[in-house]
C-alpha atoms as a PDB file:
ATOM      1  CA  MET A   1      96.420 107.018 125.161  1.00  0.00           C
ATOM      2  CA  PRO A   2      94.673 109.606 122.929  1.00  0.00           C
ATOM      3  CA  GLU A   3      92.715 108.243 119.987  1.00  0.00           C
ATOM      4  CA  PHE A   4      91.987 109.862 116.638  1.00  0.00           C
ATOM      5  CA  SER A   5      89.693 108.765 113.805  1.00  0.00           C
ATOM      6  CA  ARG A   6      88.898 110.045 110.310  1.00  0.00           C
ATOM      7  CA  SER A   7      87.187 108.598 107.240  1.00  0.00           C
ATOM      8  CA  THR A   8      86.802 109.601 103.627  1.00  0.00           C
ATOM      9  CA  THR A   9      85.153 108.176 100.546  1.00  0.00           C
ATOM     10  CA  ILE A  10      87.328 107.761  97.469  1.00  0.00           C
ATOM     11  CA  GLU A  11      86.241 106.892  93.956  1.00  0.00           C
ATOM     12  CA  ALA A  12      88.119 103.617  93.635  1.00  0.00           C
ATOM     13  CA  SER A  13      87.627  99.867  93.711  1.00  0.00           C
ATOM     14  CA  PRO A  14      87.860  98.784  97.379  1.00  0.00           C
ATOM     15  CA  ASP A  15      89.826  95.654  96.438  1.00  0.00           C
ATOM     16  CA  GLU A  16      92.363  97.469  94.217  1.00  0.00           C
ATOM     17  CA  LEU A  17      92.788 100.287  96.735  1.00  0.00           C
ATOM     18  CA  PHE A  18      93.340  97.833  99.596  1.00  0.00           C
ATOM     19  CA  GLU A  19      95.836  95.870  97.483  1.00  0.00           C
ATOM     20  CA  PHE A  20      97.912  99.068  97.092  1.00  0.00           C
ATOM     21  CA  LEU A  21      97.578 100.225 100.706  1.00  0.00           C
ATOM     22  CA  SER A  22      98.515  96.816 102.129  1.00  0.00           C
ATOM     23  CA  LYS A  23     102.014  96.754 100.613  1.00  0.00           C
ATOM     24  CA  VAL A  24     104.609  97.857 103.165  1.00  0.00           C
ATOM     25  CA  GLU A  25     106.788  99.494 100.498  1.00  0.00           C
ATOM     26  CA  ASN A  26     103.878 101.827  99.607  1.00  0.00           C
ATOM     27  CA  LEU A  27     103.495 103.227 103.149  1.00  0.00           C
ATOM     28  CA  PRO A  28     105.777 106.249 102.520  1.00  0.00           C
ATOM     29  CA  ARG A  29     103.728 107.105  99.414  1.00  0.00           C
ATOM     30  CA  TYR A  30     100.656 107.838 101.516  1.00  0.00           C
ATOM     31  CA  PHE A  31     101.546 108.061 105.227  1.00  0.00           C
ATOM     32  CA  SER A  32     102.534 111.627 105.911  1.00  0.00           C
ATOM     33  CA  GLY A  33     106.021 111.835 107.418  1.00  0.00           C
ATOM     34  CA  LEU A  34     107.231 108.321 106.557  1.00  0.00           C
ATOM     35  CA  THR A  35     110.252 108.322 104.280  1.00  0.00           C
ATOM     36  CA  GLU A  36     111.002 104.576 104.154  1.00  0.00           C
ATOM     37  CA  ALA A  37     109.392 101.270 105.127  1.00  0.00           C
ATOM     38  CA  HIS A  38     110.538  97.717 104.522  1.00  0.00           C
ATOM     39  CA  HIS A  39     110.073  94.195 105.906  1.00  0.00           C
ATOM     40  CA  THR A  40     112.687  92.997 108.389  1.00  0.00           C
ATOM     41  CA  SER A  41     111.524  89.398 108.849  1.00  0.00           C
ATOM     42  CA  GLY A  42     109.241  86.807 107.355  1.00  0.00           C
ATOM     43  CA  ASP A  43     105.493  86.811 107.683  1.00  0.00           C
ATOM     44  CA  VAL A  44     103.679  84.775 110.313  1.00  0.00           C
ATOM     45  CA  VAL A  45     100.014  83.853 110.408  1.00  0.00           C
ATOM     46  CA  GLY A  46      98.228  86.088 112.890  1.00  0.00           C
ATOM     47  CA  VAL A  47      95.331  85.312 115.187  1.00  0.00           C
ATOM     48  CA  GLY A  48      92.057  85.510 113.292  1.00  0.00           C
ATOM     49  CA  GLY A  49      93.734  85.231 109.883  1.00  0.00           C
ATOM     50  CA  GLY A  50      95.940  87.544 107.924  1.00  0.00           C
ATOM     51  CA  GLU A  51      99.668  88.013 108.069  1.00  0.00           C
ATOM     52  CA  THR A  52     101.799  89.988 110.477  1.00  0.00           C
ATOM     53  CA  SER A  53     105.318  91.057 109.633  1.00  0.00           C
ATOM     54  CA  ASN A  54     108.039  93.066 111.298  1.00  0.00           C
ATOM     55  CA  VAL A  55     108.969  96.269 109.511  1.00  0.00           C
ATOM     56  CA  HIS A  56     111.542  99.016 109.837  1.00  0.00           C
ATOM     57  CA  VAL A  57     110.328 102.560 109.233  1.00  0.00           C
ATOM     58  CA  THR A  58     112.148 105.840 108.833  1.00  0.00           C
ATOM     59  CA  ALA A  59     110.303 109.074 109.472  1.00  0.00           C
ATOM     60  CA  ASP A  60     110.742 112.816 109.344  1.00  0.00           C
ATOM     61  CA  PRO A  61     110.572 114.018 112.973  1.00  0.00           C
ATOM     62  CA  SER A  62     109.308 117.452 111.943  1.00  0.00           C
ATOM     63  CA  VAL A  63     106.142 115.676 110.759  1.00  0.00           C
ATOM     64  CA  THR A  64     105.868 112.661 113.053  1.00  0.00           C
ATOM     65  CA  GLY A  65     107.528 113.829 116.245  1.00  0.00           C
ATOM     66  CA  GLY A  66     110.105 111.722 118.019  1.00  0.00           C
ATOM     67  CA  ARG A  67     113.805 112.153 118.646  1.00  0.00           C
ATOM     68  CA  PRO A  68     115.898 112.331 115.510  1.00  0.00           C
ATOM     69  CA  ASP A  69     119.211 110.544 115.141  1.00  0.00           C
ATOM     70  CA  VAL A  70     122.417 112.258 113.992  1.00  0.00           C
ATOM     71  CA  GLU A  71     121.106 112.233 110.409  1.00  0.00           C
ATOM     72  CA  GLY A  72     117.900 114.000 111.473  1.00  0.00           C
ATOM     73  CA  GLU A  73     115.650 110.953 111.060  1.00  0.00           C
ATOM     74  CA  VAL A  74     113.534 108.814 113.372  1.00  0.00           C
ATOM     75  CA  HIS A  75     113.991 105.043 112.998  1.00  0.00           C
ATOM     76  CA  ALA A  76     111.617 102.524 114.525  1.00  0.00           C
ATOM     77  CA  GLU A  77     110.841  98.850 114.444  1.00  0.00           C
ATOM     78  CA  ALA A  78     107.155  98.070 114.113  1.00  0.00           C
ATOM     79  CA  TRP A  79     104.683  95.328 113.250  1.00  0.00           C
ATOM     80  CA  PHE A  80     102.284  95.437 110.311  1.00  0.00           C
ATOM     81  CA  HIS A  81      99.216  93.197 110.053  1.00  0.00           C
ATOM     82  CA  VAL A  82      97.256  92.642 106.844  1.00  0.00           C
ATOM     83  CA  ASP A  83      93.801  91.035 106.900  1.00  0.00           C
ATOM     84  CA  ALA A  84      92.897  90.900 103.203  1.00  0.00           C
ATOM     85  CA  GLU A  85      89.550  89.195 103.844  1.00  0.00           C
ATOM     86  CA  GLN A  86      88.387  92.149 105.961  1.00  0.00           C
ATOM     87  CA  ARG A  87      90.370  94.732 103.921  1.00  0.00           C
ATOM     88  CA  ALA A  88      91.946  95.832 107.197  1.00  0.00           C
ATOM     89  CA  LEU A  89      95.456  96.897 108.172  1.00  0.00           C
ATOM     90  CA  ALA A  90      96.858  97.282 111.676  1.00  0.00           C
ATOM     91  CA  TRP A  91     100.288  98.473 112.750  1.00  0.00           C
ATOM     92  CA  GLY A  92     102.107  99.497 115.844  1.00  0.00           C
ATOM     93  CA  SER A  93     105.300 100.051 117.716  1.00  0.00           C
ATOM     94  CA  GLU A  94     106.274 100.011 121.362  1.00  0.00           C
ATOM     95  CA  GLY A  95     108.938 101.893 123.236  1.00  0.00           C
ATOM     96  CA  PRO A  96     109.857 105.512 122.641  1.00  0.00           C
ATOM     97  CA  HIS A  97     107.543 105.647 119.571  1.00  0.00           C
ATOM     98  CA  ASP A  98     104.559 103.903 121.186  1.00  0.00           C
ATOM     99  CA  TYR A  99     101.603 103.969 118.812  1.00  0.00           C
ATOM    100  CA  ARG A 100      99.182 101.749 116.977  1.00  0.00           C
ATOM    101  CA  GLY A 101      96.660 102.269 114.253  1.00  0.00           C
ATOM    102  CA  GLU A 102      94.115 100.644 112.031  1.00  0.00           C
ATOM    103  CA  LEU A 103      93.003 101.333 108.480  1.00  0.00           C
ATOM    104  CA  GLN A 104      89.987  99.722 106.881  1.00  0.00           C
ATOM    105  CA  VAL A 105      88.662  99.898 103.328  1.00  0.00           C
ATOM    106  CA  THR A 106      84.960  99.168 102.866  1.00  0.00           C
ATOM    107  CA  PRO A 107      82.664  99.371  99.840  1.00  0.00           C
ATOM    108  CA  ASP A 108      80.557 102.532  99.701  1.00  0.00           C
ATOM    109  CA  GLY A 109      78.298 102.321  96.681  1.00  0.00           C
ATOM    110  CA  GLY A 110      80.664 102.239  93.709  1.00  0.00           C
ATOM    111  CA  SER A 111      83.453 103.801  95.783  1.00  0.00           C
ATOM    112  CA  ALA A 112      85.706 102.890  98.697  1.00  0.00           C
ATOM    113  CA  ARG A 113      85.444 104.251 102.227  1.00  0.00           C
ATOM    114  CA  VAL A 114      88.816 104.530 103.966  1.00  0.00           C
ATOM    115  CA  SER A 115      88.690 104.754 107.761  1.00  0.00           C
ATOM    116  CA  LEU A 116      91.838 105.522 109.739  1.00  0.00           C
ATOM    117  CA  HIS A 117      92.101 105.170 113.530  1.00  0.00           C
ATOM    118  CA  LEU A 118      95.237 106.068 115.504  1.00  0.00           C
ATOM    119  CA  HIS A 119      96.228 105.558 119.156  1.00  0.00           C
ATOM    120  CA  THR A 120      99.348 107.459 120.194  1.00  0.00           C
ATOM    121  CA  GLU A 121     101.138 108.831 123.243  1.00  0.00           C
ATOM    122  CA  HIS A 122     102.047 112.012 121.373  1.00  0.00           C
ATOM    123  CA  ASP A 123     100.019 114.889 122.747  1.00  0.00           C
ATOM    124  CA  ASP A 124     100.141 117.376 119.877  1.00  0.00           C
ATOM    125  CA  ARG A 125      96.485 116.945 118.870  1.00  0.00           C
ATOM    126  CA  ALA A 126      96.596 119.496 116.036  1.00  0.00           C
ATOM    127  CA  ALA A 127      99.678 117.910 114.439  1.00  0.00           C
ATOM    128  CA  ILE A 128      98.263 114.393 114.720  1.00  0.00           C
ATOM    129  CA  GLU A 129      94.903 115.385 113.243  1.00  0.00           C
ATOM    130  CA  SER A 130      96.692 117.249 110.463  1.00  0.00           C
ATOM    131  CA  GLY A 131      98.808 114.166 109.735  1.00  0.00           C
ATOM    132  CA  ILE A 132      95.743 111.923 109.518  1.00  0.00           C
ATOM    133  CA  GLU A 133      94.013 114.362 107.181  1.00  0.00           C
ATOM    134  CA  ALA A 134      97.174 114.590 105.044  1.00  0.00           C
ATOM    135  CA  THR A 135      97.388 110.786 104.859  1.00  0.00           C
ATOM    136  CA  LEU A 136      93.788 110.492 103.637  1.00  0.00           C
ATOM    137  CA  ALA A 137      94.386 113.333 101.157  1.00  0.00           C
ATOM    138  CA  ASN A 138      97.542 111.550  99.912  1.00  0.00           C
ATOM    139  CA  ILE A 139      95.540 108.375  99.280  1.00  0.00           C
ATOM    140  CA  GLU A 140      92.887 110.328  97.418  1.00  0.00           C
ATOM    141  CA  GLN A 141      95.492 112.120  95.315  1.00  0.00           C
ATOM    142  CA  LEU A 142      97.283 108.853  94.428  1.00  0.00           C
ATOM    143  CA  VAL A 143      93.951 107.440  93.248  1.00  0.00           C
ATOM    144  CA  ALA A 144      93.112 110.598  91.286  1.00  0.00           C
ATOM    145  CA  HIS A 145      96.439 110.331  89.444  1.00  0.00           C
ATOM    146  CA  GLY A 146      96.136 106.563  88.946  1.00  0.00           C
ATOM    147  CA  ASP A 147      99.324 105.983  90.962  1.00  0.00           C
ATOM    148  CA  GLU A 148      97.848 103.319  93.252  1.00  0.00           C
ATOM    149  CA  ALA A 149      97.774 100.818  90.400  1.00  0.00           C
ATOM    150  CA  GLY A 150     101.396 101.474  89.476  1.00  0.00           C
ATOM    151  CA  GLY A 151     102.508 100.755  93.012  1.00  0.00           C
END
């Protein structure tokens, strides 16, 4: 499975930024191609701490790939793990949209370093790298406009 990684430093409090990024309902605000995300079941304690929940996501196939339904969208069930102590997120899905990823926020001086790592079966390297760069740019833009606090 191909793997992709990118990082960027953003002028923000690591704790406040992670708080915003860790809310499932905020995923479409920064993940390029996602149009909706919501919990589908209660949280359970995961191995090593944190909480894992099941989520339903809707995506734009022209951005994310995948087979659209009759309404032109891609729907998938996924899991979403939040480890607040480590400021780390993990997510994934199996089946026709097999992927998984991790996002970590770490202090970097007075700023926050956001590292994104993605494992996917999609083979369009340029599109995937562009999507990761767009996601990091979206996070930076939300912070620049103060939108991450309004979440």
